[in-house]
Amino acid sequence: MENSLKLKIITPNSIFFDGEVESVIVRTTGGERQILRNRRPFSSEVEKGIIKVKLENKIELIHSDGGFITSEYENVTILTKSAEWEK
């Protein structure tokens, strides 16, 4: 994917997700943020709730127990206590 991001979601027990995505939407302590490729780097706390991941023109939902996010141009890392796919 030409405009993809490298997303890594890490829990204390494993790497929950490690792959290419089109975008990521998270609720931070400063409000909801959408992360796209080549955007300004930032770091923030992530609130407990849903992380929206756009994969192949489809939105997938991940329930997260809060944590921390860092974003640098085409790399996004989310550290969380737990994560699971929403059904």
N, C-alpha and C. Protein backbone atom coordinates (compact mmCIF):
# COMPACT_ATOMS: atom_id res chain seq x y z
N MET A 1 0.84 -1.18 0.00
CA MET A 1 0.00 0.00 0.00
C MET A 1 0.88 1.24 0.00
N GLU A 2 0.67 2.09 -0.95
CA GLU A 2 1.50 3.27 -1.13
C GLU A 2 1.41 4.26 0.04
N ASN A 3 0.23 4.51 0.56
CA ASN A 3 0.05 5.46 1.65
C ASN A 3 -0.15 4.77 2.99
N SER A 4 0.48 3.63 3.18
CA SER A 4 0.25 2.86 4.39
C SER A 4 1.15 3.29 5.55
N LEU A 5 0.71 2.90 6.72
CA LEU A 5 1.45 3.09 7.96
C LEU A 5 1.88 1.73 8.47
N LYS A 6 2.96 1.69 9.19
CA LYS A 6 3.37 0.48 9.90
C LYS A 6 2.84 0.62 11.32
N LEU A 7 1.85 -0.22 11.68
CA LEU A 7 1.25 -0.18 13.02
C LEU A 7 1.70 -1.38 13.83
N LYS A 8 2.12 -1.09 15.05
CA LYS A 8 2.49 -2.14 15.99
C LYS A 8 1.71 -1.89 17.28
N ILE A 9 0.94 -2.89 17.72
CA ILE A 9 0.22 -2.81 19.00
C ILE A 9 0.84 -3.87 19.90
N ILE A 10 1.39 -3.40 21.02
CA ILE A 10 2.14 -4.27 21.92
C ILE A 10 1.46 -4.33 23.28
N THR A 11 1.25 -5.56 23.78
CA THR A 11 0.73 -5.78 25.13
C THR A 11 1.87 -6.36 25.96
N PRO A 12 1.72 -6.45 27.28
CA PRO A 12 2.80 -7.02 28.09
C PRO A 12 3.15 -8.46 27.71
N ASN A 13 2.19 -9.20 27.16
CA ASN A 13 2.42 -10.61 26.86
C ASN A 13 2.84 -10.91 25.43
N SER A 14 2.56 -9.98 24.49
CA SER A 14 2.85 -10.30 23.09
C SER A 14 2.73 -9.05 22.20
N ILE A 15 3.10 -9.24 20.95
CA ILE A 15 2.81 -8.24 19.93
C ILE A 15 1.44 -8.62 19.38
N PHE A 16 0.43 -7.82 19.68
CA PHE A 16 -0.95 -8.11 19.28
C PHE A 16 -1.14 -7.92 17.78
N PHE A 17 -0.56 -6.85 17.22
CA PHE A 17 -0.69 -6.58 15.79
C PHE A 17 0.60 -5.95 15.30
N ASP A 18 1.04 -6.37 14.13
CA ASP A 18 2.23 -5.81 13.50
C ASP A 18 2.01 -5.89 12.00
N GLY A 19 1.61 -4.76 11.39
CA GLY A 19 1.33 -4.81 9.97
C GLY A 19 1.07 -3.44 9.37
N GLU A 20 0.74 -3.45 8.08
CA GLU A 20 0.46 -2.24 7.32
C GLU A 20 -1.02 -1.90 7.41
N VAL A 21 -1.33 -0.63 7.65
CA VAL A 21 -2.71 -0.13 7.72
C VAL A 21 -2.79 1.18 6.95
N GLU A 22 -4.01 1.58 6.61
CA GLU A 22 -4.21 2.86 5.92
C GLU A 22 -4.30 4.03 6.90
N SER A 23 -4.94 3.80 8.05
CA SER A 23 -5.04 4.84 9.07
C SER A 23 -5.40 4.21 10.41
N VAL A 24 -5.22 5.00 11.47
CA VAL A 24 -5.54 4.58 12.83
C VAL A 24 -6.28 5.73 13.49
N ILE A 25 -7.38 5.42 14.20
CA ILE A 25 -8.11 6.44 14.96
C ILE A 25 -8.14 5.98 16.41
N VAL A 26 -7.65 6.84 17.31
CA VAL A 26 -7.63 6.53 18.74
C VAL A 26 -8.19 7.71 19.53
N ARG A 27 -8.71 7.41 20.70
CA ARG A 27 -9.13 8.47 21.61
C ARG A 27 -8.01 8.67 22.61
N THR A 28 -7.43 9.87 22.57
CA THR A 28 -6.35 10.22 23.49
C THR A 28 -6.93 11.12 24.59
N THR A 29 -6.09 11.45 25.55
CA THR A 29 -6.53 12.35 26.61
C THR A 29 -6.83 13.74 26.06
N GLY A 30 -6.33 14.05 24.85
CA GLY A 30 -6.58 15.34 24.20
C GLY A 30 -7.72 15.28 23.18
N GLY A 31 -8.40 14.15 23.07
CA GLY A 31 -9.49 13.99 22.11
C GLY A 31 -9.17 12.91 21.09
N GLU A 32 -10.09 12.70 20.16
CA GLU A 32 -9.90 11.67 19.14
C GLU A 32 -8.89 12.14 18.09
N ARG A 33 -7.97 11.24 17.71
CA ARG A 33 -6.95 11.56 16.71
C ARG A 33 -6.97 10.52 15.61
N GLN A 34 -6.87 11.00 14.37
CA GLN A 34 -6.68 10.11 13.24
C GLN A 34 -5.23 10.25 12.79
N ILE A 35 -4.55 9.12 12.63
CA ILE A 35 -3.16 9.13 12.22
C ILE A 35 -3.09 8.63 10.78
N LEU A 36 -2.49 9.43 9.93
CA LEU A 36 -2.28 9.10 8.53
C LEU A 36 -0.78 9.15 8.25
N ARG A 37 -0.36 8.60 7.15
CA ARG A 37 1.06 8.60 6.76
C ARG A 37 1.59 10.02 6.60
N ASN A 38 2.84 10.21 7.00
CA ASN A 38 3.58 11.48 6.85
C ASN A 38 2.96 12.65 7.61
N ARG A 39 2.31 12.39 8.71
CA ARG A 39 1.80 13.46 9.56
C ARG A 39 2.85 13.79 10.62
N ARG A 40 2.68 14.92 11.23
CA ARG A 40 3.60 15.39 12.26
C ARG A 40 3.68 14.37 13.42
N PRO A 41 4.89 14.05 13.89
CA PRO A 41 5.04 13.10 15.00
C PRO A 41 4.37 13.62 16.27
N PHE A 42 3.85 12.69 17.05
CA PHE A 42 3.28 13.04 18.35
C PHE A 42 3.27 11.82 19.25
N SER A 43 3.10 12.07 20.55
CA SER A 43 2.95 11.03 21.57
C SER A 43 1.84 11.45 22.50
N SER A 44 1.10 10.47 23.02
CA SER A 44 -0.01 10.79 23.92
C SER A 44 -0.44 9.54 24.68
N GLU A 45 -1.16 9.77 25.76
CA GLU A 45 -1.85 8.68 26.44
C GLU A 45 -3.06 8.29 25.61
N VAL A 46 -3.40 7.00 25.61
CA VAL A 46 -4.59 6.50 24.92
C VAL A 46 -5.61 6.12 25.99
N GLU A 47 -6.84 6.59 25.82
CA GLU A 47 -7.88 6.24 26.76
C GLU A 47 -8.41 4.83 26.50
N LYS A 48 -8.94 4.20 27.51
CA LYS A 48 -9.55 2.88 27.38
C LYS A 48 -10.71 2.99 26.40
N GLY A 49 -10.82 2.05 25.46
CA GLY A 49 -11.91 2.06 24.50
C GLY A 49 -11.52 1.42 23.19
N ILE A 50 -12.07 1.94 22.11
CA ILE A 50 -11.92 1.35 20.79
C ILE A 50 -10.84 2.06 19.98
N ILE A 51 -9.99 1.26 19.35
CA ILE A 51 -9.03 1.75 18.35
C ILE A 51 -9.59 1.33 17.00
N LYS A 52 -9.74 2.29 16.08
CA LYS A 52 -10.25 1.99 14.75
C LYS A 52 -9.07 1.92 13.79
N VAL A 53 -8.97 0.79 13.10
CA VAL A 53 -7.87 0.55 12.18
C VAL A 53 -8.45 0.33 10.79
N LYS A 54 -8.01 1.12 9.82
CA LYS A 54 -8.48 0.94 8.45
C LYS A 54 -7.51 0.03 7.71
N LEU A 55 -8.04 -1.15 7.32
CA LEU A 55 -7.28 -2.17 6.61
C LEU A 55 -8.00 -2.49 5.31
N GLU A 56 -7.35 -2.31 4.19
CA GLU A 56 -7.93 -2.67 2.89
C GLU A 56 -9.34 -2.11 2.72
N ASN A 57 -9.51 -0.82 2.95
CA ASN A 57 -10.79 -0.11 2.81
C ASN A 57 -11.88 -0.61 3.74
N LYS A 58 -11.51 -1.24 4.84
CA LYS A 58 -12.46 -1.76 5.81
C LYS A 58 -12.00 -1.34 7.20
N ILE A 59 -12.93 -0.91 8.05
CA ILE A 59 -12.59 -0.50 9.42
C ILE A 59 -12.69 -1.71 10.35
N GLU A 60 -11.60 -2.00 11.04
CA GLU A 60 -11.56 -3.06 12.05
C GLU A 60 -11.47 -2.39 13.41
N LEU A 61 -12.14 -2.96 14.41
CA LEU A 61 -12.19 -2.38 15.75
C LEU A 61 -11.41 -3.25 16.73
N ILE A 62 -10.61 -2.58 17.54
CA ILE A 62 -9.82 -3.26 18.57
C ILE A 62 -10.16 -2.62 19.90
N HIS A 63 -10.54 -3.43 20.88
CA HIS A 63 -10.78 -2.91 22.23
C HIS A 63 -9.45 -2.87 22.96
N SER A 64 -9.12 -1.69 23.49
CA SER A 64 -7.85 -1.48 24.19
C SER A 64 -8.12 -1.05 25.62
N ASP A 65 -7.23 -1.45 26.51
CA ASP A 65 -7.36 -1.09 27.92
C ASP A 65 -6.55 0.16 28.24
N GLY A 66 -6.48 1.09 27.27
CA GLY A 66 -5.71 2.31 27.48
C GLY A 66 -4.24 2.06 27.24
N GLY A 67 -3.44 3.09 27.38
CA GLY A 67 -2.00 2.93 27.19
C GLY A 67 -1.34 4.19 26.67
N PHE A 68 -0.45 4.01 25.69
CA PHE A 68 0.36 5.11 25.19
C PHE A 68 0.60 4.92 23.70
N ILE A 69 0.59 6.00 22.93
CA ILE A 69 0.82 5.94 21.49
C ILE A 69 1.94 6.89 21.10
N THR A 70 2.78 6.44 20.17
CA THR A 70 3.77 7.31 19.53
C THR A 70 3.61 7.15 18.02
N SER A 71 3.76 8.26 17.32
CA SER A 71 3.60 8.26 15.87
C SER A 71 4.74 9.07 15.25
N GLU A 72 5.41 8.48 14.26
CA GLU A 72 6.48 9.17 13.52
C GLU A 72 6.32 8.88 12.04
N TYR A 73 5.76 9.80 11.31
CA TYR A 73 5.60 9.76 9.86
C TYR A 73 4.91 8.50 9.36
N GLU A 74 5.61 7.37 9.20
CA GLU A 74 4.91 6.18 8.74
C GLU A 74 4.95 5.03 9.74
N ASN A 75 5.32 5.32 10.99
CA ASN A 75 5.37 4.30 12.04
C ASN A 75 4.52 4.72 13.23
N VAL A 76 3.65 3.81 13.66
CA VAL A 76 2.80 4.06 14.82
C VAL A 76 2.94 2.88 15.77
N THR A 77 3.19 3.18 17.04
CA THR A 77 3.29 2.14 18.06
C THR A 77 2.33 2.47 19.18
N ILE A 78 1.53 1.47 19.57
CA ILE A 78 0.62 1.61 20.70
C ILE A 78 0.99 0.56 21.74
N LEU A 79 1.28 1.03 22.94
CA LEU A 79 1.54 0.14 24.07
C LEU A 79 0.28 0.12 24.92
N THR A 80 -0.26 -1.06 25.20
CA THR A 80 -1.50 -1.17 25.95
C THR A 80 -1.45 -2.38 26.89
N LYS A 81 -2.24 -2.31 27.95
CA LYS A 81 -2.29 -3.41 28.90
C LYS A 81 -2.92 -4.66 28.29
N SER A 82 -3.94 -4.45 27.44
CA SER A 82 -4.58 -5.57 26.75
C SER A 82 -5.26 -5.08 25.49
N ALA A 83 -5.42 -5.99 24.52
CA ALA A 83 -6.08 -5.66 23.26
C ALA A 83 -6.79 -6.89 22.74
N GLU A 84 -7.97 -6.69 22.15
CA GLU A 84 -8.67 -7.78 21.50
C GLU A 84 -9.57 -7.25 20.40
N TRP A 85 -9.72 -8.05 19.35
CA TRP A 85 -10.57 -7.65 18.22
C TRP A 85 -12.02 -7.60 18.67
N GLU A 86 -12.73 -6.56 18.27
CA GLU A 86 -14.17 -6.45 18.52
C GLU A 86 -14.89 -7.29 17.49
N LYS A 87 -15.95 -7.94 17.90
CA LYS A 87 -16.72 -8.77 16.97
C LYS A 87 -18.05 -8.16 16.69
